[in-house]
Protein backbone atom coordinates (compact mmCIF):
# COMPACT_ATOMS: atom_id res chain seq x y z
CA MET A 1 25.36 80.75 1.92
CA GLN A 2 25.53 78.71 5.03
CA ILE A 3 24.54 75.11 5.56
CA ASN A 4 21.75 76.04 7.90
CA THR A 5 20.13 78.23 5.24
CA LEU A 6 19.96 75.53 2.56
CA GLN A 7 16.49 74.40 1.56
CA PRO A 8 15.40 71.61 -0.83
CA LYS A 9 14.12 72.60 -4.25
CA THR A 10 10.91 70.55 -3.83
CA LYS A 11 9.29 69.89 -0.55
CA SER A 12 9.28 66.18 0.50
CA ARG A 13 5.89 64.69 1.11
CA SER A 14 5.26 61.56 3.22
CA LYS A 15 3.58 58.65 1.39
CA LYS A 16 -0.02 57.99 2.31
CA ARG A 17 -0.33 54.60 4.06
CA ILE A 18 -3.40 52.67 3.01
CA GLY A 19 -4.93 49.42 4.14
CA ARG A 20 -4.60 50.14 7.85
CA GLY A 21 -8.27 50.41 8.65
CA GLY A 22 -10.35 53.52 9.21
CA LYS A 23 -10.79 55.91 6.29
CA ARG A 24 -7.50 55.32 4.57
CA GLY A 25 -8.51 53.87 1.23
CA THR A 26 -11.51 51.57 0.85
CA PHE A 27 -10.41 48.03 -0.12
CA SER A 28 -6.70 48.87 -0.04
CA GLY A 29 -5.84 46.82 -3.12
CA ARG A 30 -7.40 43.64 -1.75
CA GLY A 31 -10.35 43.44 -4.12
CA THR A 32 -13.93 43.34 -2.96
CA LYS A 33 -14.96 40.94 -0.21
CA GLY A 34 -14.78 37.16 -0.54
CA LEU A 35 -12.32 34.70 0.98
CA LEU A 36 -9.18 36.26 -0.43
CA ALA A 37 -10.17 39.72 0.87
CA ARG A 38 -10.06 38.48 4.46
CA ALA A 39 -7.01 38.66 6.62
CA GLY A 40 -5.40 35.22 6.63
CA GLY A 41 -7.89 33.95 4.06
CA LYS A 42 -6.07 31.29 2.08
CA ARG A 43 -7.32 28.60 -0.25
CA ARG A 44 -6.59 25.07 0.89
CA PRO A 45 -4.05 23.32 -1.29
CA GLU A 46 -5.38 20.45 -3.42
CA GLU A 47 -2.88 18.05 -1.84
CA ARG A 48 -4.55 18.63 1.52
CA ASP A 49 -7.96 17.82 0.07
CA THR A 50 -6.72 14.56 -1.42
CA LEU A 51 -5.08 13.64 1.88
CA LYS A 52 -8.31 14.34 3.72
CA ARG A 53 -10.23 11.99 1.42
CA ILE A 54 -7.97 9.01 2.20
CA PRO A 55 -9.54 6.85 4.92
CA LYS A 56 -7.40 6.88 8.02
CA LEU A 57 -6.62 3.51 9.57
CA ARG A 58 -5.00 3.12 12.94
CA GLY A 59 -1.88 1.15 13.64
CA TYR A 60 1.14 -0.01 11.70
CA ARG A 61 0.42 -1.97 8.56
CA PHE A 62 3.03 -3.96 6.69
CA LYS A 63 2.12 -6.25 3.85
CA SER A 64 4.71 -8.96 3.66
CA PHE A 65 6.40 -9.37 0.29
CA GLN A 66 7.27 -12.98 1.05
CA GLU A 67 5.31 -15.32 -1.22
CA ARG A 68 3.07 -17.69 0.68
CA PRO A 69 2.72 -21.26 -0.58
CA VAL A 70 -0.46 -22.52 -2.22
CA VAL A 71 -2.22 -24.85 0.21
CA ILE A 72 -3.72 -28.20 -0.82
CA ASN A 73 -5.48 -30.68 1.43
CA PHE A 74 -5.50 -34.47 1.30
CA ASP A 75 -9.11 -34.54 0.14
CA MET A 76 -8.17 -32.48 -2.94
CA LEU A 77 -5.33 -34.89 -3.74
CA GLU A 78 -7.77 -37.81 -3.45
CA GLN A 79 -10.12 -36.17 -5.94
CA LYS A 80 -7.65 -34.93 -8.55
CA MET A 81 -4.75 -37.41 -8.54
CA LYS A 82 -4.52 -41.14 -9.28
CA ALA A 83 -2.87 -43.78 -7.13
CA GLY A 84 0.91 -43.90 -7.50
CA ASP A 85 1.14 -40.41 -9.03
CA LEU A 86 4.00 -38.03 -8.37
CA VAL A 87 2.75 -35.00 -6.44
CA SER A 88 4.89 -31.97 -7.32
CA PRO A 89 4.09 -28.37 -8.31
CA GLU A 90 4.47 -29.30 -12.00
CA THR A 91 2.04 -32.26 -11.86
CA LEU A 92 -0.45 -30.26 -9.79
CA LEU A 93 -0.31 -27.50 -12.41
CA LYS A 94 -1.03 -30.03 -15.19
CA ALA A 95 -3.93 -31.46 -13.17
CA GLY A 96 -5.39 -27.94 -12.80
CA VAL A 97 -5.19 -27.93 -9.01
CA ILE A 98 -2.90 -24.89 -8.82
CA HIS A 99 -2.14 -21.92 -11.08
CA LYS A 100 1.02 -19.93 -11.70
CA LYS A 101 1.51 -16.74 -9.71
CA LYS A 102 2.82 -13.87 -11.84
CA GLY A 103 4.24 -16.35 -14.32
CA ARG A 104 6.14 -18.29 -11.66
CA MET A 105 5.64 -21.76 -10.30
CA PRO A 106 4.34 -21.35 -6.72
CA LYS A 107 5.48 -23.32 -3.69
CA VAL A 108 2.97 -25.95 -2.56
CA LYS A 109 2.11 -26.92 1.00
CA ILE A 110 0.11 -30.04 1.82
CA LEU A 111 -2.32 -29.70 4.73
CA GLY A 112 -3.89 -32.53 6.68
CA ARG A 113 -7.63 -32.07 6.07
CA GLY A 114 -9.29 -35.27 4.88
CA GLU A 115 -8.01 -38.83 4.75
CA ILE A 116 -5.49 -40.20 2.29
CA THR A 117 -6.01 -43.76 1.09
CA ARG A 118 -3.89 -43.86 -2.08
CA LYS A 119 -0.12 -43.98 -2.32
CA PHE A 120 1.57 -40.87 -3.67
CA THR A 121 5.17 -39.84 -4.22
CA PHE A 122 5.86 -36.29 -3.07
CA LYS A 123 8.53 -34.03 -4.56
CA ASN A 124 9.31 -30.33 -3.89
CA VAL A 125 6.33 -29.80 -1.58
CA LEU A 126 6.07 -28.62 2.02
CA PHE A 127 3.99 -30.35 4.70
CA SER A 128 2.08 -29.10 7.72
CA LYS A 129 2.50 -30.79 11.10
CA SER A 130 -0.85 -32.53 10.83
CA ALA A 131 -0.10 -33.79 7.31
CA SER A 132 3.32 -35.09 8.26
CA ALA A 133 1.81 -36.81 11.31
CA LYS A 134 -0.75 -38.55 9.11
CA LEU A 135 1.83 -39.70 6.58
CA ASN A 136 4.79 -40.52 8.80
CA ILE A 137 6.67 -38.69 6.13
CA LYS A 138 10.24 -39.20 7.27
CA ALA A 139 10.91 -41.97 4.77
CA GLN A 140 9.78 -39.81 1.86
CA MET A 141 11.60 -36.64 2.96
CA SER A 142 14.70 -37.62 1.02
CA ASN A 143 13.12 -36.24 -2.17
CA GLN A 144 12.98 -32.72 -0.78
């Protein structure tokens, strides 16, 4: 027996390749028609659909987390407060002019709309330029 006379016991047979087009096996294990039967046919992920539904707005948007003061004008003070009253966030809350924000006492800023005829004492409030110009507030700033 020589090596060149050896033969295998069973003849080897090449595997039939299917799914390459032509007549080599109808649907080739891909089911029958439909989206998933197509080459490259993929379902869109649900995350993509939800992203597509969100309205797209241009530009950079940043909502400031700094709390803005509640604004009150002179005409509101004339209506709600009596002459000689102390104007502070606490007294304005009692008078019903302002409300608490998330359980906290808000900062208050006085604006200059309207005329002020009564005398008030201000404590722990901010003033706009027009309001401070109307009041000549420098004498009363010592309370802040």
